[in-house]
Amino acid sequence: MLDLDLALATARGAAEAAARAALPHFRRGVRVELKPDRTPVTVADREAEAAALAVIRRAFPLHALLGEESGAHAGATDARWIVDPLDGTRGFARGESFWGPLVALEHEGEVVAGAMALPVAGEVYYAARGRGAWLAVGLESPTPLRVSGVSRWEDATFSLGEPRVLLAPPLAVPVTELATTCARTRCLGDLAGFALVLSGRAEVWIEAGVQLWDIAPMKPLLEEAGGRFTDLDGSPTVRSGNCVASNGLVHGHVLGTLARARSEARPKGPPLAD
């Protein structure tokens, strides 16, 4: 039997530990290396991952682990922790503020707990199935998270993920339509863009071209805050490398716009013979 209360506390503790490990390197001129897949890594990424994994191992020593930097660690077949120790490494290395760790627990194929932090802002977001979604800021008491109640797209704030993917074919046309028909469009990047939806400051965030560890904790965080999480095709999965994260009320409009554009762009077949 999985202890979800312990999982909730562990997810939060791992995110906080990763944040503490990374912060001393922020704006200190860290050297950026390129991994074989051409993505960047710094000493802050590695130290943050080690700190997060240490917290997880103390609480759940038999669970499997998957870290972006250290790869897979064997363990129980039904439980796996997924860690991105520093989402937004490029921004971190350039002194930008929108970066932080992502931590998720997958149990029997479903992500049941998650946490993320924005260390520069001192914010930690965490959730577990049936335990709600919470925001802790500094030493203040945690407060519950709740998505917004905006239901009309023309009143909505649209939060974009990576523009290089979302504003390139085949997503450029529907994403541009969404961005130009809502009330506001924002592009904070990385996990900060998702935090806008989670805290009720935006209605939807979309992302594409990412890895499992980039979005795994978002599903339980958002659903426990009253929102809806799917991939771009409407499937409730974190494994597609893309997502639509919304307050639920505008979700159908976003999926419909994406589906319609794909349908209109599909090559037409030859006319049927008489």
Protein backbone atom coordinates (compact mmCIF):
# COMPACT_ATOMS: atom_id res chain seq x y z
CA MET A 1 0.00 0.00 0.00
CA LEU A 2 1.45 3.36 -1.05
CA ASP A 3 1.55 6.01 1.66
CA LEU A 4 0.32 9.07 -0.24
CA ASP A 5 0.80 11.40 2.71
CA LEU A 6 4.45 10.42 2.84
CA ALA A 7 4.66 10.71 -0.96
CA LEU A 8 3.26 14.26 -0.75
CA ALA A 9 5.79 15.29 1.89
CA THR A 10 8.63 13.59 0.00
CA ALA A 11 7.79 15.27 -3.31
CA ARG A 12 7.80 18.65 -1.60
CA GLY A 13 10.98 17.87 0.33
CA ALA A 14 12.80 16.70 -2.80
CA ALA A 15 11.85 19.86 -4.71
CA GLU A 16 12.96 22.03 -1.80
CA ALA A 17 16.26 20.18 -1.51
CA ALA A 18 16.94 20.59 -5.23
CA ALA A 19 16.15 24.30 -5.00
CA ARG A 20 18.53 24.76 -2.08
CA ALA A 21 21.30 22.97 -3.98
CA ALA A 22 20.88 25.05 -7.14
CA LEU A 23 20.46 28.51 -5.66
CA PRO A 24 24.10 29.04 -4.55
CA HIS A 25 25.15 28.68 -8.21
CA PHE A 26 22.58 31.18 -9.53
CA ARG A 27 24.12 34.22 -11.20
CA ARG A 28 27.59 32.96 -10.28
CA GLY A 29 28.80 32.33 -13.83
CA VAL A 30 28.40 28.55 -13.96
CA ARG A 31 29.97 26.73 -16.88
CA VAL A 32 27.47 25.21 -19.31
CA GLU A 33 28.27 21.84 -20.87
CA LEU A 34 26.43 20.09 -23.69
CA LYS A 35 25.23 16.53 -23.24
CA PRO A 36 25.25 14.06 -26.17
CA ASP A 37 21.69 15.13 -27.06
CA ARG A 38 22.91 18.77 -27.26
CA THR A 39 20.89 19.87 -24.21
CA PRO A 40 22.74 21.96 -21.59
CA VAL A 41 23.81 20.88 -18.11
CA THR A 42 25.65 22.62 -15.27
CA VAL A 43 27.02 21.68 -11.87
CA ALA A 44 23.80 23.09 -10.42
CA ASP A 45 21.74 20.50 -12.33
CA ARG A 46 23.88 17.65 -11.01
CA GLU A 47 23.97 18.83 -7.41
CA ALA A 48 20.24 19.54 -7.42
CA GLU A 49 19.49 16.04 -8.71
CA ALA A 50 21.70 14.42 -6.08
CA ALA A 51 19.94 16.40 -3.36
CA ALA A 52 16.46 15.46 -4.60
CA LEU A 53 17.31 11.77 -4.98
CA ALA A 54 18.77 11.65 -1.48
CA VAL A 55 15.46 12.86 -0.01
CA ILE A 56 13.50 10.31 -2.03
CA ARG A 57 15.80 7.41 -1.13
CA ARG A 58 15.45 8.14 2.60
CA ALA A 59 11.65 7.97 2.41
CA PHE A 60 11.22 5.26 -0.27
CA PRO A 61 14.48 3.27 -0.48
CA LEU A 62 12.96 0.49 -2.62
CA HIS A 63 11.39 2.69 -5.30
CA ALA A 64 12.87 3.01 -8.79
CA LEU A 65 14.25 6.38 -9.87
CA LEU A 66 14.60 8.23 -13.17
CA GLY A 67 16.72 11.38 -13.16
CA GLU A 68 17.33 13.56 -16.18
CA GLU A 69 21.04 13.72 -15.40
CA SER A 70 21.81 10.32 -13.87
CA GLY A 71 19.35 8.16 -15.79
CA ALA A 72 17.45 5.13 -14.51
CA HIS A 73 18.05 3.55 -11.11
CA ALA A 74 16.58 0.08 -10.54
CA GLY A 75 13.90 -0.48 -7.94
CA ALA A 76 10.31 -1.58 -7.46
CA THR A 77 8.49 -2.28 -10.70
CA ASP A 78 5.28 -0.56 -9.57
CA ALA A 79 6.73 2.72 -8.24
CA ARG A 80 9.14 5.15 -9.87
CA TRP A 81 10.20 8.70 -9.02
CA ILE A 82 10.88 10.99 -11.99
CA VAL A 83 13.13 14.01 -11.43
CA ASP A 84 14.13 16.99 -13.54
CA PRO A 85 16.46 18.77 -11.11
CA LEU A 86 16.56 22.09 -12.92
CA ASP A 87 14.01 22.75 -15.62
CA GLY A 88 15.10 25.80 -17.59
CA THR A 89 18.88 25.37 -17.52
CA ARG A 90 19.49 27.83 -20.36
CA GLY A 91 17.59 30.57 -18.53
CA PHE A 92 19.29 29.68 -15.25
CA ALA A 93 22.72 30.01 -16.86
CA ARG A 94 21.82 33.45 -18.21
CA GLY A 95 20.56 34.75 -14.88
CA GLU A 96 16.84 34.53 -15.62
CA SER A 97 14.41 33.71 -12.81
CA PHE A 98 11.98 31.19 -14.32
CA TRP A 99 13.62 27.84 -13.54
CA GLY A 100 13.32 25.12 -10.94
CA PRO A 101 13.05 21.42 -10.09
CA LEU A 102 10.26 19.03 -11.05
CA VAL A 103 9.53 15.86 -9.06
CA ALA A 104 6.90 13.19 -9.73
CA LEU A 105 5.92 9.78 -8.35
CA GLU A 106 4.52 7.24 -10.79
CA HIS A 107 2.64 4.33 -9.18
CA GLU A 108 1.24 1.44 -11.23
CA GLY A 109 1.53 3.51 -14.40
CA GLU A 110 -0.16 6.67 -13.06
CA VAL A 111 1.50 9.80 -11.72
CA VAL A 112 0.00 10.18 -8.24
CA ALA A 113 2.14 12.90 -6.64
CA GLY A 114 4.18 15.82 -7.88
CA ALA A 115 6.02 18.95 -6.87
CA MET A 116 7.85 21.83 -8.46
CA ALA A 117 9.62 24.92 -7.20
CA LEU A 118 10.49 28.40 -8.40
CA PRO A 119 13.51 28.99 -6.15
CA VAL A 120 14.07 32.66 -6.98
CA ALA A 121 10.49 33.43 -5.95
CA GLY A 122 10.69 31.11 -2.94
CA GLU A 123 7.64 29.16 -4.15
CA VAL A 124 7.00 25.40 -3.87
CA TYR A 125 3.95 23.77 -5.47
CA TYR A 126 3.03 20.21 -4.45
CA ALA A 127 0.11 17.76 -4.67
CA ALA A 128 -0.94 14.13 -4.31
CA ARG A 129 -4.08 12.24 -5.27
CA GLY A 130 -6.87 13.10 -2.85
CA ARG A 131 -4.61 15.39 -0.80
CA GLY A 132 -5.14 18.62 -2.74
CA ALA A 133 -2.66 20.97 -4.37
CA TRP A 134 -0.71 23.42 -2.24
CA LEU A 135 1.57 26.43 -2.51
CA ALA A 136 4.22 27.13 0.11
CA VAL A 137 6.01 30.49 0.03
CA GLY A 138 8.93 30.91 2.39
CA LEU A 139 7.94 30.37 6.01
CA GLU A 140 4.26 31.13 5.41
CA SER A 141 1.64 28.44 5.98
CA PRO A 142 0.80 26.53 2.77
CA THR A 143 -2.31 27.70 0.93
CA PRO A 144 -4.57 25.60 -1.34
CA LEU A 145 -4.25 26.06 -5.09
CA ARG A 146 -7.29 26.53 -7.28
CA VAL A 147 -7.60 27.14 -11.01
CA SER A 148 -9.57 30.10 -12.35
CA GLY A 149 -13.27 30.21 -13.17
CA VAL A 150 -12.90 31.97 -16.54
CA SER A 151 -14.94 30.08 -19.14
CA ARG A 152 -14.99 32.34 -22.24
CA TRP A 153 -11.96 32.17 -24.51
CA GLU A 154 -12.16 35.87 -25.31
CA ASP A 155 -11.62 36.54 -21.58
CA ALA A 156 -8.84 33.98 -21.15
CA THR A 157 -5.10 34.32 -20.62
CA PHE A 158 -3.11 31.91 -22.77
CA SER A 159 0.32 30.77 -21.49
CA LEU A 160 2.75 29.42 -24.10
CA GLY A 161 5.52 26.91 -23.66
CA GLU A 162 8.46 26.69 -26.08
CA PRO A 163 7.74 29.00 -29.07
CA ARG A 164 10.31 27.29 -31.32
CA VAL A 165 8.04 24.24 -31.33
CA LEU A 166 4.61 25.76 -30.85
CA LEU A 167 5.04 28.45 -33.53
CA ALA A 168 6.47 26.08 -36.13
CA PRO A 169 4.51 23.69 -38.39
CA PRO A 170 2.23 21.89 -37.77
CA LEU A 171 1.17 23.85 -34.66
CA ALA A 172 1.83 27.40 -35.88
CA VAL A 173 -1.61 28.04 -37.37
CA PRO A 174 -3.82 26.82 -34.48
CA VAL A 175 -1.52 28.25 -31.81
CA THR A 176 -1.51 31.64 -33.54
CA GLU A 177 -5.30 31.53 -33.73
CA LEU A 178 -5.53 30.78 -30.02
CA ALA A 179 -3.01 33.49 -29.17
CA THR A 180 -4.79 36.19 -31.17
CA THR A 181 -8.37 35.46 -30.09
CA CYS A 182 -7.95 35.41 -26.29
CA ALA A 183 -7.67 38.36 -23.92
CA ARG A 184 -3.93 37.98 -23.23
CA THR A 185 -1.04 35.76 -24.27
CA ARG A 186 2.01 35.25 -22.09
CA CYS A 187 5.25 33.31 -22.64
CA LEU A 188 7.20 33.03 -19.40
CA GLY A 189 8.75 29.75 -20.43
CA ASP A 190 9.55 26.58 -18.54
CA LEU A 191 7.57 25.68 -15.42
CA ALA A 192 6.68 29.30 -14.61
CA GLY A 193 4.21 29.33 -17.50
CA PHE A 194 2.41 26.33 -16.02
CA ALA A 195 2.39 27.96 -12.58
CA LEU A 196 0.17 30.72 -13.99
CA VAL A 197 -2.58 28.19 -14.67
CA LEU A 198 -2.06 26.30 -11.44
CA SER A 199 -2.49 29.48 -9.39
CA GLY A 200 -5.45 30.86 -11.35
CA ARG A 201 -3.53 33.62 -13.18
CA ALA A 202 -4.00 32.05 -16.62
CA GLU A 203 -6.52 29.62 -18.09
CA VAL A 204 -4.36 27.35 -20.24
CA TRP A 205 -0.74 26.41 -20.83
CA ILE A 206 0.40 24.32 -23.78
CA GLU A 207 3.76 22.70 -24.31
CA ALA A 208 5.30 20.41 -26.94
CA GLY A 209 8.60 18.80 -27.85
CA VAL A 210 9.51 17.88 -24.26
CA GLN A 211 10.48 14.81 -22.23
CA LEU A 212 8.56 12.87 -19.58
CA TRP A 213 10.39 14.57 -16.70
CA ASP A 214 9.45 18.02 -18.07
CA ILE A 215 5.71 17.52 -17.51
CA ALA A 216 5.18 14.46 -15.26
CA PRO A 217 4.30 16.35 -12.04
CA MET A 218 1.95 18.74 -13.82
CA LYS A 219 -0.92 16.24 -14.08
CA PRO A 220 -1.53 15.60 -10.36
CA LEU A 221 -0.78 19.22 -9.51
CA LEU A 222 -3.35 20.54 -11.95
CA GLU A 223 -6.05 17.94 -11.37
CA GLU A 224 -5.87 18.39 -7.60
CA ALA A 225 -6.28 22.14 -8.18
CA GLY A 226 -9.48 21.50 -10.17
CA GLY A 227 -8.06 21.66 -13.70
CA ARG A 228 -7.67 19.27 -16.61
CA PHE A 229 -4.50 17.81 -18.14
CA THR A 230 -4.26 16.04 -21.53
CA ASP A 231 -1.93 15.81 -24.48
CA LEU A 232 -2.67 17.80 -27.64
CA ASP A 233 -4.95 15.01 -28.88
CA GLY A 234 -7.01 14.97 -25.68
CA SER A 235 -5.53 11.84 -24.08
CA PRO A 236 -4.93 12.14 -20.29
CA THR A 237 -1.28 11.10 -20.45
CA VAL A 238 2.12 12.58 -19.60
CA ARG A 239 3.93 10.39 -22.13
CA SER A 240 3.20 12.17 -25.42
CA GLY A 241 5.88 14.85 -25.09
CA ASN A 242 3.22 17.57 -25.27
CA CYS A 243 0.31 18.79 -23.18
CA VAL A 244 -2.67 21.06 -22.71
CA ALA A 245 -3.02 22.13 -19.07
CA SER A 246 -6.11 24.20 -18.34
CA ASN A 247 -8.73 25.23 -15.82
CA GLY A 248 -11.01 22.69 -17.55
CA LEU A 249 -13.49 25.32 -18.70
CA VAL A 250 -11.58 26.32 -21.84
CA HIS A 251 -10.04 22.92 -22.51
CA GLY A 252 -12.56 21.89 -25.16
CA HIS A 253 -12.05 25.10 -27.11
CA VAL A 254 -8.27 24.61 -27.19
CA LEU A 255 -8.48 20.95 -28.24
CA GLY A 256 -11.11 21.79 -30.84
CA THR A 257 -8.97 24.51 -32.38
CA LEU A 258 -5.95 22.21 -32.54
CA ALA A 259 -7.98 19.36 -34.05
CA ARG A 260 -9.73 21.55 -36.62
CA ALA A 261 -6.46 23.02 -37.88
CA ARG A 262 -4.94 19.57 -38.28
CA SER A 263 -8.01 18.38 -40.16
CA GLU A 264 -7.95 21.36 -42.51
CA ALA A 265 -4.23 20.88 -43.17
CA ARG A 266 -4.59 17.18 -44.00
CA PRO A 267 -4.03 16.50 -47.73
CA LYS A 268 -7.24 15.84 -49.62
CA GLY A 269 -7.55 12.62 -51.59
CA PRO A 270 -8.52 12.42 -55.27
CA PRO A 271 -12.21 12.88 -56.14
CA LEU A 272 -14.33 9.76 -56.22
CA ALA A 273 -15.18 8.43 -59.66
CA ASP A 274 -18.80 8.72 -60.86
